[in-house]
Protein backbone atom coordinates (compact mmCIF):
# COMPACT_ATOMS: atom_id res chain seq x y z
CA MET A 1 -0.79 20.21 3.32
CA HIS A 2 -0.09 16.68 2.11
CA ILE A 3 0.63 14.13 4.86
CA ALA A 4 2.50 10.84 4.45
CA PHE A 5 3.22 8.12 7.00
CA ASP A 6 5.94 5.53 7.32
CA ALA A 7 4.71 2.01 8.20
CA ASP A 8 7.14 -0.22 10.16
CA ASP A 9 7.67 0.98 13.75
CA THR A 10 5.53 4.04 13.01
CA LEU A 11 2.14 2.41 12.51
CA TRP A 12 2.91 -1.07 13.82
CA HIS A 13 5.61 -2.99 15.71
CA ASN A 14 8.39 -4.35 13.53
CA GLU A 15 11.96 -4.16 14.87
CA PRO A 16 11.30 -6.21 18.07
CA LEU A 17 10.13 -9.10 15.87
CA PHE A 18 13.47 -9.09 14.03
CA ASP A 19 15.27 -8.91 17.37
CA LEU A 20 13.36 -11.93 18.70
CA THR A 21 14.14 -13.89 15.53
CA GLN A 22 17.83 -13.05 15.88
CA GLU A 23 17.75 -14.20 19.51
CA ARG A 24 16.25 -17.55 18.45
CA VAL A 25 18.98 -18.02 15.87
CA ALA A 26 21.65 -17.04 18.41
CA GLU A 27 20.41 -19.89 20.61
CA LEU A 28 20.66 -22.30 17.69
CA LEU A 29 24.24 -21.23 17.00
CA ALA A 30 25.38 -20.86 20.62
CA ASP A 31 27.83 -23.78 20.28
CA TRP A 32 29.71 -21.94 17.54
CA VAL A 33 29.53 -18.22 18.33
CA PRO A 34 28.53 -15.87 21.19
CA ALA A 35 25.33 -13.89 20.60
CA ALA A 36 27.13 -10.52 20.52
CA GLU A 37 29.61 -11.70 17.89
CA LEU A 38 26.79 -13.20 15.86
CA GLY A 39 25.02 -9.83 15.89
CA GLU A 40 28.11 -8.04 14.60
CA LYS A 41 28.62 -10.56 11.80
CA LEU A 42 24.91 -10.44 10.90
CA ASN A 43 25.01 -6.64 10.63
CA SER A 44 28.03 -6.90 8.35
CA THR A 45 26.29 -9.47 6.16
CA GLU A 46 23.10 -7.41 5.93
CA ARG A 47 25.04 -4.27 5.04
CA ARG A 48 26.94 -6.14 2.32
CA ASN A 49 23.76 -7.68 0.89
CA LEU A 50 21.48 -4.62 0.86
CA ARG A 51 22.27 -3.81 -2.75
CA LEU A 52 21.29 -7.36 -3.76
CA PHE A 53 18.34 -8.24 -1.54
CA GLY A 54 17.14 -4.88 -0.25
CA TYR A 55 15.30 -4.41 3.04
CA GLY A 56 12.87 -6.72 4.77
CA ALA A 57 12.35 -10.14 6.29
CA LYS A 58 13.44 -12.16 3.27
CA GLY A 59 16.80 -10.43 2.99
CA PHE A 60 17.17 -10.74 6.76
CA THR A 61 16.51 -14.49 6.61
CA LEU A 62 19.04 -14.96 3.84
CA ALA A 63 21.57 -12.98 5.90
CA LEU A 64 20.90 -15.26 8.88
CA VAL A 65 21.57 -18.36 6.77
CA GLU A 66 24.73 -16.86 5.23
CA THR A 67 26.00 -15.79 8.65
CA ALA A 68 25.31 -19.24 10.10
CA LEU A 69 27.41 -20.80 7.33
CA GLU A 70 30.19 -18.29 7.95
CA VAL A 71 30.45 -18.68 11.73
CA THR A 72 30.36 -22.49 11.56
CA GLY A 73 32.79 -22.85 8.67
CA ALA A 74 29.92 -24.19 6.55
CA LYS A 75 29.46 -27.02 9.04
CA VAL A 76 26.05 -25.94 10.36
CA PRO A 77 23.69 -28.95 10.28
CA GLY A 78 20.85 -28.99 7.78
CA ARG A 79 18.32 -29.19 10.61
CA VAL A 80 19.62 -25.87 11.98
CA ILE A 81 19.35 -24.24 8.56
CA GLN A 82 15.76 -25.49 8.41
CA GLN A 83 15.04 -23.99 11.83
CA ILE A 84 16.48 -20.66 10.69
CA LEU A 85 14.26 -20.74 7.61
CA ASP A 86 11.26 -21.60 9.79
CA ALA A 87 12.07 -18.63 12.04
CA GLY A 88 12.17 -16.40 8.97
CA LYS A 89 8.80 -17.69 7.79
CA ALA A 90 7.32 -17.10 11.24
CA LEU A 91 8.63 -13.52 11.10
CA ILE A 92 6.93 -12.94 7.76
CA GLU A 93 3.63 -14.44 8.96
CA HIS A 94 3.58 -12.70 12.35
CA PRO A 95 0.33 -10.82 13.08
CA VAL A 96 0.39 -7.05 12.59
CA GLU A 97 0.09 -5.20 15.91
CA LEU A 98 -0.76 -1.52 15.63
CA LEU A 99 0.97 0.93 17.94
CA PRO A 100 -1.10 2.85 20.50
CA GLY A 101 -3.04 5.74 19.02
CA VAL A 102 -2.48 4.73 15.40
CA ARG A 103 -6.01 3.72 14.45
CA GLU A 104 -7.59 6.77 16.08
CA THR A 105 -5.06 9.16 14.56
CA ILE A 106 -5.21 7.70 11.05
CA ASP A 107 -9.02 7.62 11.11
CA ARG A 108 -9.17 11.26 12.17
CA LEU A 109 -6.63 12.50 9.66
CA ALA A 110 -7.99 10.43 6.77
CA ALA A 111 -11.33 12.18 7.22
CA GLU A 112 -9.60 15.54 6.70
CA HIS A 113 -6.71 14.85 4.29
CA PRO A 114 -5.81 12.45 1.43
CA LEU A 115 -3.09 10.50 3.26
CA LEU A 116 -0.11 8.77 1.68
CA LEU A 117 1.74 5.71 2.98
CA ILE A 118 5.41 5.52 2.01
CA THR A 119 7.28 2.42 3.17
CA LYS A 120 10.37 0.53 2.06
CA GLY A 121 11.03 -3.19 2.01
CA ASP A 122 10.01 -6.38 0.27
CA LEU A 123 6.96 -5.69 -1.93
CA PHE A 124 5.05 -8.89 -1.12
CA HIS A 125 5.66 -8.70 2.64
CA GLN A 126 4.83 -4.99 2.86
CA GLU A 127 1.64 -5.46 0.84
CA SER A 128 0.65 -8.29 3.16
CA LYS A 129 1.27 -6.26 6.32
CA ILE A 130 -0.61 -3.26 4.96
CA ALA A 131 -3.59 -5.45 4.07
CA ARG A 132 -3.57 -7.18 7.47
CA SER A 133 -3.26 -3.88 9.33
CA GLY A 134 -6.81 -2.90 8.47
CA LEU A 135 -5.59 0.58 7.47
CA ALA A 136 -5.16 0.21 3.71
CA ASP A 137 -8.38 1.96 2.79
CA ARG A 138 -7.45 5.01 4.90
CA PHE A 139 -4.68 5.92 2.46
CA ALA A 140 -5.35 7.62 -0.85
CA GLU A 141 -1.99 6.42 -2.18
CA ILE A 142 0.43 3.69 -1.09
CA GLU A 143 4.07 3.70 -2.19
CA ILE A 144 6.34 0.70 -1.48
CA VAL A 145 9.88 1.67 -2.41
CA SER A 146 13.27 -0.04 -2.37
CA GLU A 147 14.97 2.92 -0.68
CA LYS A 148 13.88 6.12 1.06
CA ASP A 149 16.38 8.73 -0.02
CA GLU A 150 16.13 12.22 -1.51
CA GLU A 151 15.63 11.04 -5.08
CA THR A 152 12.89 8.60 -4.03
CA TYR A 153 10.95 11.34 -2.27
CA ARG A 154 11.39 13.70 -5.22
CA ARG A 155 10.07 11.00 -7.55
CA VAL A 156 7.06 10.27 -5.33
CA LEU A 157 6.19 13.95 -4.98
CA ARG A 158 6.49 14.53 -8.73
CA ARG A 159 4.23 11.57 -9.43
CA HIS A 160 1.53 12.92 -7.12
CA GLU A 161 2.10 16.57 -8.08
CA ILE A 162 2.96 17.64 -4.52
CA ASP A 163 5.13 20.63 -3.68
CA ALA A 164 7.84 19.70 -1.18
CA GLU A 165 7.19 22.73 1.03
CA ARG A 166 3.60 21.59 1.53
CA PHE A 167 4.58 17.97 2.23
CA VAL A 168 4.87 16.43 5.72
CA MET A 169 6.39 13.00 6.36
CA VAL A 170 5.61 11.27 9.67
CA GLY A 171 7.92 8.47 10.75
CA ASN A 172 10.24 6.95 13.33
CA SER A 173 13.44 6.72 11.29
CA VAL A 174 15.59 9.83 11.26
CA LYS A 175 17.68 8.33 8.46
CA SER A 176 14.79 7.34 6.19
CA ASP A 177 11.81 9.51 7.17
CA ILE A 178 13.33 12.77 8.37
CA LEU A 179 16.67 13.80 6.87
CA PRO A 180 15.90 13.08 3.18
CA VAL A 181 12.60 14.97 3.42
CA LEU A 182 14.23 17.99 5.05
CA ALA A 183 16.94 17.91 2.36
CA ILE A 184 14.40 18.39 -0.44
CA GLY A 185 12.63 21.22 1.36
CA GLY A 186 9.81 19.25 2.96
CA ASN A 187 8.65 18.93 6.55
CA ALA A 188 8.99 15.92 8.84
CA VAL A 189 7.50 14.79 12.13
CA HIS A 190 9.69 12.39 14.10
CA VAL A 191 7.78 9.90 16.26
CA PRO A 192 10.46 7.91 18.12
CA TYR A 193 10.18 4.15 18.54
CA GLU A 194 11.52 2.00 21.37
CA SER A 195 14.32 0.47 19.30
CA THR A 196 16.18 1.15 16.06
CA TRP A 197 17.70 -1.28 13.56
CA GLU A 198 21.48 -1.10 13.78
CA LEU A 199 21.88 -0.18 10.10
CA ASP A 200 19.29 2.59 10.50
CA LYS A 201 21.03 4.35 13.37
CA ILE A 202 22.41 7.79 12.60
CA ASP A 203 23.64 10.85 14.44
CA HIS A 204 20.71 13.24 13.95
CA ARG A 205 21.81 16.15 16.07
CA GLY A 206 21.82 18.31 12.94
CA ALA A 207 18.25 17.38 12.04
CA GLU A 208 16.70 19.98 14.30
CA GLU A 209 16.27 22.62 11.66
CA GLU A 210 13.49 24.33 9.74
CA GLY A 211 10.79 21.82 8.86
CA PHE A 212 11.69 19.43 11.70
CA PHE A 213 9.03 18.63 14.30
CA GLU A 214 8.67 16.00 17.02
CA ALA A 215 5.78 14.06 18.55
CA GLU A 216 6.33 11.80 21.54
CA THR A 217 3.60 9.37 20.43
CA MET A 218 1.13 8.93 17.61
CA PHE A 219 -1.52 10.53 19.84
CA GLU A 220 0.40 13.82 19.54
CA VAL A 221 0.72 13.83 15.76
CA PRO A 222 -2.56 15.70 15.03
CA ARG A 223 -1.52 18.49 17.43
CA VAL A 224 1.88 18.79 15.75
CA LEU A 225 0.24 18.86 12.32
CA ASP A 226 -2.03 21.64 13.55
CA GLU A 227 1.10 23.57 14.55
CA ILE A 228 2.49 23.10 11.07
CA ALA A 229 -0.79 24.21 9.49
CA ALA A 230 -0.77 27.28 11.73
CA LEU A 231 2.38 28.43 9.98
CA GLY A 232 0.08 29.56 7.21
CA TRP A 233 -0.21 26.60 4.83
CA GLU A 234 -3.62 25.65 3.49
CA SER A 235 -4.86 22.11 3.82
CA ALA A 236 -4.98 20.07 0.64
């Protein structure tokens, strides 16, 4: 059994930091637009820009600047743009805070399996967070990808010569960590997080099928993996 983990909001906190940054920017732009309307326009900008800038803090910061220009009719003062850029830099430099149970679980599993880390986002920022997490050496392989869809998982599994039916992905995002893996015949363990990025929300009522498992917290992941192993697969 080959085990892979997602990073953001699975191993460490991520989404709340973006939410706090958005709240700071909403305060800066309060004279031009209500916070709720700003959020809607920001989501639209991010969705439109994904194909150009991809995921992560840098694309998010650019979307904040573009949205600020839009809602103010390009009249936003330079000092406010600078404050938005500073907020984006603070987001990128924010300390990595592991979720409860992560270090113990990863340490235990790494002693028994060659773990993979599969995360999407800006290469430089993701590399920095992985290094600062203190977990990098627990993973036999680390994959930073631009998207987490079926073809990406197929490509990763081919590169590491892993059969999909003996592959387990552990993550918080139903859209990125669960559904694509199930679609290629793999197995997935959903570990829910307290909040979900608006563009990552998806109706996952159909996800509860063969290969789908759930763990309430990271502490429960080893038990769920034992259940999967008990189905008859040998450890790898």
